[in-house]
Amino acid sequence: MSAADLCPPPLRPMAAVDWPAVEAIWAAGIATGLATFETSPPSWAEFDASRLPGHRHVAVDSDELLGWTACTRESTRDAYAGVVEHSVYVSPAAQGRGVGGALLQALITSTEAAGIWTIRAGILPANAASVALHQKHGFRVVGTREKVGRRVVDGVAGWHDVLLMERRSRVVGWPG
């Protein structure tokens, strides 16, 4: 791997025209069985309606979209106004090149600038790369939701745990 492969890629806000590539990267993540319990990506309209517009980022290399991140509010209750849950997906061809880290850092920066104090993630324990990426960016495991998700693989249904990870900002609303 060359040094250029490890340079963070250019990032920009996600736009509607990015949806086909975002959807394809999401579908590739679904196919791994490690990224989500979803069985297919939502439509652009569903995605657009549920993700916070100021916190959608894509990584690009020339015309190729390498990965994306976006977040949703944890709750509509005022007490949780500064808490979001996020997703970060990287194209299989771009994994191991710093794309996930660059996207996660962009999300941290944009959410802190908006007054968001906690970013949460639900990660399947077998997704060791995602767990390590999040830990590297200040997330910690705060619990395990045991057998919370049911997924059918090769016709066999099984229950799966989810690690609840979160990153508490030391910039926004820090009590210390």
N, C-alpha and C. Protein backbone atom coordinates (compact mmCIF):
# COMPACT_ATOMS: atom_id res chain seq x y z
N MET A 1 0.85 -1.17 0.00
CA MET A 1 0.00 0.00 0.00
C MET A 1 0.90 1.24 0.00
N SER A 2 0.59 2.18 -0.85
CA SER A 2 1.40 3.39 -0.94
C SER A 2 0.96 4.43 0.07
N ALA A 3 1.82 5.44 0.28
CA ALA A 3 1.48 6.53 1.20
C ALA A 3 0.24 7.26 0.72
N ALA A 4 0.05 7.35 -0.61
CA ALA A 4 -1.13 8.03 -1.15
C ALA A 4 -2.40 7.31 -0.75
N ASP A 5 -2.33 5.98 -0.60
CA ASP A 5 -3.51 5.22 -0.20
C ASP A 5 -3.94 5.54 1.22
N LEU A 6 -3.02 6.04 2.06
CA LEU A 6 -3.34 6.32 3.44
C LEU A 6 -3.69 7.79 3.68
N CYS A 7 -3.56 8.65 2.67
CA CYS A 7 -3.94 10.05 2.82
C CYS A 7 -5.45 10.14 2.88
N PRO A 8 -5.97 10.93 3.83
CA PRO A 8 -7.42 11.06 3.89
C PRO A 8 -7.97 11.60 2.57
N PRO A 9 -9.05 11.04 2.10
CA PRO A 9 -9.63 11.49 0.84
C PRO A 9 -10.36 12.82 1.02
N PRO A 10 -10.59 13.54 -0.07
CA PRO A 10 -11.41 14.75 0.03
C PRO A 10 -12.83 14.39 0.49
N LEU A 11 -13.40 15.25 1.31
CA LEU A 11 -14.77 15.06 1.80
C LEU A 11 -15.60 16.24 1.34
N ARG A 12 -16.90 16.00 1.23
CA ARG A 12 -17.84 17.08 0.92
C ARG A 12 -19.21 16.68 1.45
N PRO A 13 -20.12 17.64 1.52
CA PRO A 13 -21.48 17.29 1.95
C PRO A 13 -22.14 16.33 0.94
N MET A 14 -22.91 15.41 1.45
CA MET A 14 -23.66 14.50 0.60
C MET A 14 -24.76 15.27 -0.11
N ALA A 15 -25.00 14.93 -1.36
CA ALA A 15 -26.06 15.53 -2.15
C ALA A 15 -26.94 14.43 -2.73
N ALA A 16 -28.13 14.79 -3.17
CA ALA A 16 -29.06 13.81 -3.74
C ALA A 16 -28.43 13.05 -4.90
N VAL A 17 -27.57 13.70 -5.68
CA VAL A 17 -26.94 13.02 -6.83
C VAL A 17 -26.00 11.90 -6.38
N ASP A 18 -25.61 11.91 -5.12
CA ASP A 18 -24.74 10.86 -4.58
C ASP A 18 -25.49 9.58 -4.25
N TRP A 19 -26.82 9.66 -4.24
CA TRP A 19 -27.60 8.54 -3.73
C TRP A 19 -27.30 7.19 -4.40
N PRO A 20 -27.18 7.09 -5.71
CA PRO A 20 -26.89 5.76 -6.27
C PRO A 20 -25.61 5.13 -5.71
N ALA A 21 -24.56 5.92 -5.55
CA ALA A 21 -23.31 5.39 -5.00
C ALA A 21 -23.45 5.09 -3.51
N VAL A 22 -24.12 5.97 -2.76
CA VAL A 22 -24.36 5.74 -1.33
C VAL A 22 -25.15 4.44 -1.16
N GLU A 23 -26.19 4.29 -1.96
CA GLU A 23 -27.02 3.08 -1.89
C GLU A 23 -26.21 1.82 -2.20
N ALA A 24 -25.34 1.89 -3.20
CA ALA A 24 -24.52 0.73 -3.56
C ALA A 24 -23.54 0.36 -2.45
N ILE A 25 -22.93 1.37 -1.83
CA ILE A 25 -22.01 1.11 -0.72
C ILE A 25 -22.77 0.52 0.46
N TRP A 26 -23.96 1.05 0.73
CA TRP A 26 -24.80 0.52 1.81
C TRP A 26 -25.14 -0.95 1.52
N ALA A 27 -25.54 -1.23 0.29
CA ALA A 27 -25.91 -2.60 -0.08
C ALA A 27 -24.71 -3.54 0.08
N ALA A 28 -23.52 -3.07 -0.25
CA ALA A 28 -22.32 -3.89 -0.06
C ALA A 28 -22.09 -4.18 1.42
N GLY A 29 -22.34 -3.19 2.27
CA GLY A 29 -22.23 -3.41 3.72
C GLY A 29 -23.25 -4.41 4.22
N ILE A 30 -24.47 -4.31 3.72
CA ILE A 30 -25.53 -5.25 4.09
C ILE A 30 -25.10 -6.67 3.71
N ALA A 31 -24.52 -6.81 2.52
CA ALA A 31 -24.14 -8.14 2.03
C ALA A 31 -23.09 -8.82 2.89
N THR A 32 -22.31 -8.05 3.65
CA THR A 32 -21.29 -8.67 4.51
C THR A 32 -21.90 -9.40 5.69
N GLY A 33 -23.11 -9.00 6.08
CA GLY A 33 -23.72 -9.57 7.27
C GLY A 33 -23.16 -8.99 8.57
N LEU A 34 -22.23 -8.04 8.47
CA LEU A 34 -21.59 -7.47 9.66
C LEU A 34 -21.99 -6.03 9.93
N ALA A 35 -22.60 -5.36 8.97
CA ALA A 35 -22.79 -3.92 9.08
C ALA A 35 -24.14 -3.51 9.68
N THR A 36 -25.15 -4.29 9.49
CA THR A 36 -26.49 -3.87 9.87
C THR A 36 -27.46 -5.04 9.84
N PHE A 37 -28.60 -4.85 10.46
CA PHE A 37 -29.67 -5.83 10.34
C PHE A 37 -30.58 -5.52 9.16
N GLU A 38 -30.38 -4.37 8.54
CA GLU A 38 -31.18 -4.01 7.37
C GLU A 38 -30.99 -5.07 6.29
N THR A 39 -32.01 -5.28 5.49
CA THR A 39 -31.90 -6.23 4.39
C THR A 39 -31.78 -5.52 3.04
N SER A 40 -32.06 -4.22 3.02
CA SER A 40 -31.87 -3.41 1.82
C SER A 40 -31.83 -1.94 2.24
N PRO A 41 -31.14 -1.12 1.46
CA PRO A 41 -31.11 0.31 1.78
C PRO A 41 -32.50 0.92 1.60
N PRO A 42 -32.77 2.01 2.28
CA PRO A 42 -34.04 2.70 2.08
C PRO A 42 -34.04 3.44 0.75
N SER A 43 -35.13 4.06 0.43
CA SER A 43 -35.17 4.94 -0.74
C SER A 43 -34.48 6.25 -0.38
N TRP A 44 -34.14 7.04 -1.39
CA TRP A 44 -33.55 8.35 -1.12
C TRP A 44 -34.53 9.19 -0.30
N ALA A 45 -35.81 9.15 -0.61
CA ALA A 45 -36.80 9.96 0.12
C ALA A 45 -36.81 9.58 1.60
N GLU A 46 -36.77 8.29 1.91
CA GLU A 46 -36.75 7.84 3.31
C GLU A 46 -35.46 8.28 4.00
N PHE A 47 -34.34 8.10 3.32
CA PHE A 47 -33.06 8.50 3.87
C PHE A 47 -33.03 10.00 4.13
N ASP A 48 -33.42 10.77 3.14
CA ASP A 48 -33.39 12.23 3.22
C ASP A 48 -34.28 12.75 4.35
N ALA A 49 -35.42 12.12 4.54
CA ALA A 49 -36.35 12.56 5.58
C ALA A 49 -35.85 12.23 6.99
N SER A 50 -35.00 11.23 7.12
CA SER A 50 -34.62 10.76 8.46
C SER A 50 -33.22 11.18 8.90
N ARG A 51 -32.37 11.62 8.00
CA ARG A 51 -30.99 11.98 8.36
C ARG A 51 -30.84 13.48 8.47
N LEU A 52 -30.10 13.92 9.47
CA LEU A 52 -29.90 15.35 9.69
C LEU A 52 -29.09 15.94 8.54
N PRO A 53 -29.60 16.98 7.89
CA PRO A 53 -28.96 17.48 6.67
C PRO A 53 -27.57 18.07 6.87
N GLY A 54 -27.24 18.62 7.99
CA GLY A 54 -25.92 19.22 8.18
C GLY A 54 -24.82 18.25 8.53
N HIS A 55 -25.15 16.97 8.58
CA HIS A 55 -24.19 15.97 9.06
C HIS A 55 -24.14 14.75 8.14
N ARG A 56 -24.23 14.99 6.86
CA ARG A 56 -24.11 13.94 5.84
C ARG A 56 -22.86 14.25 5.05
N HIS A 57 -21.91 13.35 5.09
CA HIS A 57 -20.63 13.58 4.42
C HIS A 57 -20.31 12.40 3.51
N VAL A 58 -19.62 12.70 2.41
CA VAL A 58 -19.12 11.66 1.52
C VAL A 58 -17.63 11.88 1.30
N ALA A 59 -16.93 10.77 1.10
CA ALA A 59 -15.51 10.80 0.73
C ALA A 59 -15.45 10.47 -0.75
N VAL A 60 -14.63 11.24 -1.46
CA VAL A 60 -14.56 11.06 -2.91
C VAL A 60 -13.10 10.96 -3.37
N ASP A 61 -12.92 10.28 -4.48
CA ASP A 61 -11.63 10.22 -5.15
C ASP A 61 -11.94 10.39 -6.63
N SER A 62 -11.64 11.56 -7.16
CA SER A 62 -12.04 11.93 -8.52
C SER A 62 -13.57 11.86 -8.57
N ASP A 63 -14.09 10.99 -9.41
CA ASP A 63 -15.55 10.87 -9.52
C ASP A 63 -16.11 9.70 -8.72
N GLU A 64 -15.25 8.98 -8.01
CA GLU A 64 -15.68 7.79 -7.28
C GLU A 64 -16.01 8.12 -5.83
N LEU A 65 -17.18 7.72 -5.40
CA LEU A 65 -17.57 7.90 -4.00
C LEU A 65 -17.02 6.71 -3.22
N LEU A 66 -16.24 6.99 -2.18
CA LEU A 66 -15.56 5.95 -1.42
C LEU A 66 -16.29 5.54 -0.15
N GLY A 67 -17.12 6.43 0.39
CA GLY A 67 -17.81 6.13 1.63
C GLY A 67 -18.70 7.29 2.03
N TRP A 68 -19.48 7.05 3.08
CA TRP A 68 -20.41 8.08 3.53
C TRP A 68 -20.69 7.92 5.02
N THR A 69 -21.16 9.01 5.62
CA THR A 69 -21.65 8.99 6.99
C THR A 69 -22.84 9.91 7.10
N ALA A 70 -23.73 9.61 8.01
CA ALA A 70 -24.91 10.43 8.27
C ALA A 70 -25.43 10.07 9.66
N CYS A 71 -26.29 10.93 10.20
CA CYS A 71 -26.83 10.64 11.54
C CYS A 71 -28.29 11.04 11.65
N THR A 72 -28.93 10.49 12.66
CA THR A 72 -30.32 10.79 12.99
C THR A 72 -30.38 11.23 14.44
N ARG A 73 -31.42 11.96 14.78
CA ARG A 73 -31.61 12.30 16.19
C ARG A 73 -31.96 11.04 16.96
N GLU A 74 -31.45 10.95 18.17
CA GLU A 74 -31.74 9.82 19.04
C GLU A 74 -33.20 9.84 19.48
N SER A 75 -33.69 11.05 19.72
CA SER A 75 -35.05 11.22 20.24
C SER A 75 -35.53 12.62 19.89
N THR A 76 -36.83 12.79 19.83
CA THR A 76 -37.39 14.12 19.60
C THR A 76 -37.55 14.90 20.91
N ARG A 77 -37.28 14.25 22.03
CA ARG A 77 -37.40 14.93 23.33
C ARG A 77 -36.27 15.94 23.51
N ASP A 78 -36.59 17.10 24.07
CA ASP A 78 -35.61 18.18 24.23
C ASP A 78 -34.38 17.75 25.03
N ALA A 79 -34.56 16.89 26.01
CA ALA A 79 -33.43 16.47 26.84
C ALA A 79 -32.35 15.76 26.04
N TYR A 80 -32.74 15.20 24.90
CA TYR A 80 -31.81 14.46 24.05
C TYR A 80 -31.47 15.21 22.77
N ALA A 81 -31.66 16.52 22.75
CA ALA A 81 -31.41 17.32 21.54
C ALA A 81 -29.98 17.23 21.06
N GLY A 82 -29.05 16.91 21.94
CA GLY A 82 -27.65 16.83 21.59
C GLY A 82 -27.13 15.42 21.42
N VAL A 83 -28.03 14.48 21.14
CA VAL A 83 -27.63 13.07 21.00
C VAL A 83 -28.08 12.56 19.63
N VAL A 84 -27.14 12.00 18.89
CA VAL A 84 -27.45 11.44 17.58
C VAL A 84 -26.93 10.02 17.48
N GLU A 85 -27.51 9.27 16.57
CA GLU A 85 -27.00 7.94 16.22
C GLU A 85 -26.53 8.02 14.78
N HIS A 86 -25.42 7.40 14.49
CA HIS A 86 -24.86 7.56 13.15
C HIS A 86 -24.56 6.23 12.47
N SER A 87 -24.29 6.35 11.18
CA SER A 87 -23.80 5.24 10.36
C SER A 87 -22.59 5.74 9.60
N VAL A 88 -21.65 4.85 9.36
CA VAL A 88 -20.52 5.14 8.50
C VAL A 88 -20.25 3.88 7.67
N TYR A 89 -20.20 4.05 6.37
CA TYR A 89 -19.99 2.94 5.44
C TYR A 89 -18.87 3.30 4.48
N VAL A 90 -18.02 2.33 4.19
CA VAL A 90 -16.91 2.52 3.27
C VAL A 90 -17.00 1.45 2.19
N SER A 91 -16.79 1.86 0.95
CA SER A 91 -16.77 0.93 -0.17
C SER A 91 -15.75 -0.17 0.09
N PRO A 92 -16.08 -1.40 -0.25
CA PRO A 92 -15.11 -2.48 -0.04
C PRO A 92 -13.74 -2.19 -0.69
N ALA A 93 -13.74 -1.55 -1.83
CA ALA A 93 -12.48 -1.25 -2.53
C ALA A 93 -11.67 -0.17 -1.82
N ALA A 94 -12.28 0.60 -0.94
CA ALA A 94 -11.59 1.70 -0.26
C ALA A 94 -11.26 1.41 1.19
N GLN A 95 -11.61 0.24 1.68
CA GLN A 95 -11.37 -0.08 3.09
C GLN A 95 -9.87 -0.17 3.37
N GLY A 96 -9.48 0.28 4.56
CA GLY A 96 -8.09 0.25 4.97
C GLY A 96 -7.28 1.43 4.48
N ARG A 97 -7.94 2.44 3.91
CA ARG A 97 -7.25 3.60 3.36
C ARG A 97 -7.51 4.88 4.15
N GLY A 98 -8.11 4.78 5.31
CA GLY A 98 -8.37 5.97 6.12
C GLY A 98 -9.67 6.67 5.82
N VAL A 99 -10.48 6.09 4.96
CA VAL A 99 -11.75 6.71 4.56
C VAL A 99 -12.72 6.77 5.75
N GLY A 100 -12.88 5.66 6.45
CA GLY A 100 -13.79 5.63 7.59
C GLY A 100 -13.40 6.64 8.66
N GLY A 101 -12.11 6.73 8.95
CA GLY A 101 -11.62 7.68 9.95
C GLY A 101 -11.87 9.12 9.53
N ALA A 102 -11.63 9.43 8.27
CA ALA A 102 -11.87 10.79 7.78
C ALA A 102 -13.35 11.14 7.87
N LEU A 103 -14.20 10.20 7.51
CA LEU A 103 -15.65 10.44 7.58
C LEU A 103 -16.11 10.61 9.03
N LEU A 104 -15.62 9.75 9.90
CA LEU A 104 -16.01 9.83 11.30
C LEU A 104 -15.55 11.15 11.92
N GLN A 105 -14.34 11.59 11.58
CA GLN A 105 -13.85 12.87 12.10
C GLN A 105 -14.68 14.02 11.56
N ALA A 106 -15.09 13.97 10.30
CA ALA A 106 -15.95 15.01 9.74
C ALA A 106 -17.29 15.07 10.48
N LEU A 107 -17.82 13.90 10.82
CA LEU A 107 -19.08 13.87 11.56
C LEU A 107 -18.89 14.45 12.96
N ILE A 108 -17.81 14.09 13.62
CA ILE A 108 -17.53 14.64 14.95
C ILE A 108 -17.43 16.16 14.89
N THR A 109 -16.71 16.66 13.91
CA THR A 109 -16.54 18.10 13.76
C THR A 109 -17.86 18.80 13.49
N SER A 110 -18.65 18.27 12.57
CA SER A 110 -19.91 18.94 12.23
C SER A 110 -20.93 18.87 13.37
N THR A 111 -20.96 17.75 14.08
CA THR A 111 -21.93 17.65 15.17
C THR A 111 -21.54 18.54 16.34
N GLU A 112 -20.25 18.59 16.66
CA GLU A 112 -19.83 19.48 17.75
C GLU A 112 -20.10 20.94 17.40
N ALA A 113 -19.88 21.32 16.14
CA ALA A 113 -20.16 22.70 15.71
C ALA A 113 -21.65 23.03 15.84
N ALA A 114 -22.49 22.01 15.79
CA ALA A 114 -23.94 22.20 15.90
C ALA A 114 -24.45 22.03 17.32
N GLY A 115 -23.55 21.83 18.30
CA GLY A 115 -23.97 21.69 19.69
C GLY A 115 -24.39 20.30 20.10
N ILE A 116 -24.04 19.30 19.31
CA ILE A 116 -24.37 17.91 19.64
C ILE A 116 -23.28 17.36 20.56
N TRP A 117 -23.69 16.79 21.69
CA TRP A 117 -22.72 16.35 22.69
C TRP A 117 -22.46 14.85 22.73
N THR A 118 -23.31 14.04 22.12
CA THR A 118 -23.08 12.60 22.13
C THR A 118 -23.42 12.00 20.78
N ILE A 119 -22.50 11.19 20.26
CA ILE A 119 -22.73 10.41 19.05
C ILE A 119 -22.77 8.95 19.47
N ARG A 120 -23.81 8.27 19.04
CA ARG A 120 -23.96 6.86 19.40
C ARG A 120 -23.88 5.98 18.16
N ALA A 121 -23.54 4.73 18.38
CA ALA A 121 -23.50 3.74 17.31
C ALA A 121 -23.89 2.38 17.87
N GLY A 122 -24.61 1.62 17.09
CA GLY A 122 -24.89 0.22 17.40
C GLY A 122 -24.09 -0.63 16.44
N ILE A 123 -23.16 -1.45 16.95
CA ILE A 123 -22.25 -2.19 16.10
C ILE A 123 -22.30 -3.67 16.46
N LEU A 124 -22.39 -4.52 15.45
CA LEU A 124 -22.36 -5.95 15.69
C LEU A 124 -20.97 -6.33 16.21
N PRO A 125 -20.88 -7.11 17.26
CA PRO A 125 -19.58 -7.45 17.85
C PRO A 125 -18.59 -8.07 16.86
N ALA A 126 -19.08 -8.79 15.86
CA ALA A 126 -18.19 -9.41 14.88
C ALA A 126 -17.56 -8.41 13.93
N ASN A 127 -18.05 -7.17 13.93
CA ASN A 127 -17.50 -6.15 13.05
C ASN A 127 -16.31 -5.47 13.75
N ALA A 128 -15.24 -6.22 13.89
CA ALA A 128 -14.07 -5.76 14.64
C ALA A 128 -13.46 -4.50 14.05
N ALA A 129 -13.48 -4.35 12.73
CA ALA A 129 -12.90 -3.16 12.10
C ALA A 129 -13.68 -1.91 12.51
N SER A 130 -14.99 -2.01 12.56
CA SER A 130 -15.81 -0.86 12.95
C SER A 130 -15.62 -0.53 14.43
N VAL A 131 -15.57 -1.55 15.26
CA VAL A 131 -15.34 -1.33 16.69
C VAL A 131 -14.00 -0.61 16.89
N ALA A 132 -12.95 -1.08 16.23
CA ALA A 132 -11.63 -0.47 16.36
C ALA A 132 -11.62 0.96 15.84
N LEU A 133 -12.27 1.21 14.72
CA LEU A 133 -12.35 2.56 14.16
C LEU A 133 -13.00 3.50 15.16
N HIS A 134 -14.10 3.08 15.73
CA HIS A 134 -14.81 3.94 16.68
C HIS A 134 -13.99 4.18 17.95
N GLN A 135 -13.34 3.15 18.45
CA GLN A 135 -12.50 3.33 19.63
C GLN A 135 -11.37 4.31 19.34
N LYS A 136 -10.78 4.24 18.17
CA LYS A 136 -9.71 5.15 17.78
C LYS A 136 -10.18 6.60 17.79
N HIS A 137 -11.47 6.82 17.59
CA HIS A 137 -12.03 8.18 17.53
C HIS A 137 -12.78 8.55 18.81
N GLY A 138 -12.45 7.88 19.90
CA GLY A 138 -12.97 8.28 21.20
C GLY A 138 -14.29 7.67 21.62
N PHE A 139 -14.79 6.70 20.87
CA PHE A 139 -16.01 6.01 21.27
C PHE A 139 -15.64 4.93 22.28
N ARG A 140 -16.58 4.61 23.15
CA ARG A 140 -16.37 3.52 24.10
C ARG A 140 -17.62 2.66 24.13
N VAL A 141 -17.44 1.41 24.47
CA VAL A 141 -18.57 0.50 24.61
C VAL A 141 -19.25 0.83 25.93
N VAL A 142 -20.53 1.15 25.87
CA VAL A 142 -21.27 1.45 27.10
C VAL A 142 -22.25 0.34 27.46
N GLY A 143 -22.35 -0.65 26.59
CA GLY A 143 -23.21 -1.77 26.91
C GLY A 143 -23.38 -2.70 25.73
N THR A 144 -23.99 -3.82 26.03
CA THR A 144 -24.33 -4.79 24.99
C THR A 144 -25.82 -5.04 25.06
N ARG A 145 -26.46 -4.85 23.92
CA ARG A 145 -27.87 -5.19 23.83
C ARG A 145 -27.92 -6.64 23.37
N GLU A 146 -28.24 -7.54 24.30
CA GLU A 146 -28.15 -8.96 24.04
C GLU A 146 -29.32 -9.47 23.22
N LYS A 147 -28.97 -10.18 22.16
CA LYS A 147 -29.95 -10.84 21.29
C LYS A 147 -31.11 -9.89 20.94
N VAL A 148 -30.74 -8.67 20.56
CA VAL A 148 -31.74 -7.64 20.26
C VAL A 148 -32.19 -7.69 18.80
N GLY A 149 -31.34 -8.23 17.93
CA GLY A 149 -31.66 -8.25 16.51
C GLY A 149 -31.79 -9.66 15.99
N ARG A 150 -32.79 -9.86 15.15
CA ARG A 150 -33.02 -11.18 14.57
C ARG A 150 -32.74 -11.08 13.08
N ARG A 151 -31.92 -12.00 12.60
CA ARG A 151 -31.55 -11.99 11.19
C ARG A 151 -31.61 -13.42 10.66
N VAL A 152 -32.07 -13.55 9.43
CA VAL A 152 -32.11 -14.85 8.77
C VAL A 152 -30.94 -14.92 7.80
N VAL A 153 -30.09 -15.91 7.98
CA VAL A 153 -28.95 -16.14 7.10
C VAL A 153 -29.05 -17.55 6.56
N ASP A 154 -29.05 -17.67 5.25
CA ASP A 154 -29.17 -18.98 4.60
C ASP A 154 -30.37 -19.77 5.12
N GLY A 155 -31.46 -19.07 5.33
CA GLY A 155 -32.69 -19.71 5.75
C GLY A 155 -32.79 -20.02 7.23
N VAL A 156 -31.74 -19.68 7.99
CA VAL A 156 -31.73 -19.98 9.42
C VAL A 156 -31.80 -18.68 10.21
N ALA A 157 -32.82 -18.57 11.07
CA ALA A 157 -32.98 -17.37 11.88
C ALA A 157 -32.09 -17.46 13.12
N GLY A 158 -31.50 -16.34 13.47
CA GLY A 158 -30.68 -16.30 14.66
C GLY A 158 -30.76 -14.94 15.33
N TRP A 159 -30.53 -14.91 16.62
CA TRP A 159 -30.54 -13.68 17.39
C TRP A 159 -29.12 -13.19 17.57
N HIS A 160 -28.94 -11.88 17.52
CA HIS A 160 -27.60 -11.31 17.57
C HIS A 160 -27.52 -10.14 18.55
N ASP A 161 -26.36 -10.03 19.18
CA ASP A 161 -26.09 -8.91 20.08
C ASP A 161 -25.66 -7.68 19.29
N VAL A 162 -25.78 -6.52 19.92
CA VAL A 162 -25.30 -5.26 19.36
C VAL A 162 -24.55 -4.53 20.46
N LEU A 163 -23.33 -4.10 20.14
CA LEU A 163 -22.57 -3.26 21.08
C LEU A 163 -23.08 -1.83 20.95
N LEU A 164 -23.38 -1.23 22.07
CA LEU A 164 -23.78 0.17 22.08
C LEU A 164 -22.52 0.97 22.39
N MET A 165 -22.09 1.78 21.42
CA MET A 165 -20.90 2.59 21.59
C MET A 165 -21.29 4.06 21.53
N GLU A 166 -20.58 4.89 22.28
CA GLU A 166 -20.86 6.32 22.20
C GLU A 166 -19.60 7.13 22.43
N ARG A 167 -19.66 8.34 21.89
CA ARG A 167 -18.58 9.31 22.06
C ARG A 167 -19.20 10.56 22.65
N ARG A 168 -18.71 10.93 23.81
CA ARG A 168 -19.18 12.14 24.51
C ARG A 168 -18.21 13.25 24.19
N SER A 169 -18.71 14.35 23.66
CA SER A 169 -17.86 15.48 23.32
C SER A 169 -17.23 16.07 24.57
N ARG A 170 -15.99 16.49 24.46
CA ARG A 170 -15.32 17.23 25.52
C ARG A 170 -15.36 18.72 25.20
N VAL A 171 -16.05 19.08 24.13
CA VAL A 171 -16.17 20.47 23.71
C VAL A 171 -17.57 21.02 23.98
N VAL A 172 -18.56 20.21 23.70
CA VAL A 172 -19.96 20.64 23.80
C VAL A 172 -20.58 20.10 25.08
N GLY A 173 -21.08 20.98 25.91
CA GLY A 173 -21.85 20.59 27.09
C GLY A 173 -21.10 19.73 28.08
N TRP A 174 -19.79 19.79 28.08
CA TRP A 174 -19.01 18.95 28.98
C TRP A 174 -19.18 19.44 30.40
N PRO A 175 -19.60 18.57 31.31
CA PRO A 175 -19.85 19.01 32.69
C PRO A 175 -18.59 19.28 33.50
N GLY A 176 -17.43 18.82 33.05
CA GLY A 176 -16.22 18.91 33.83
C GLY A 176 -15.47 20.11 33.58
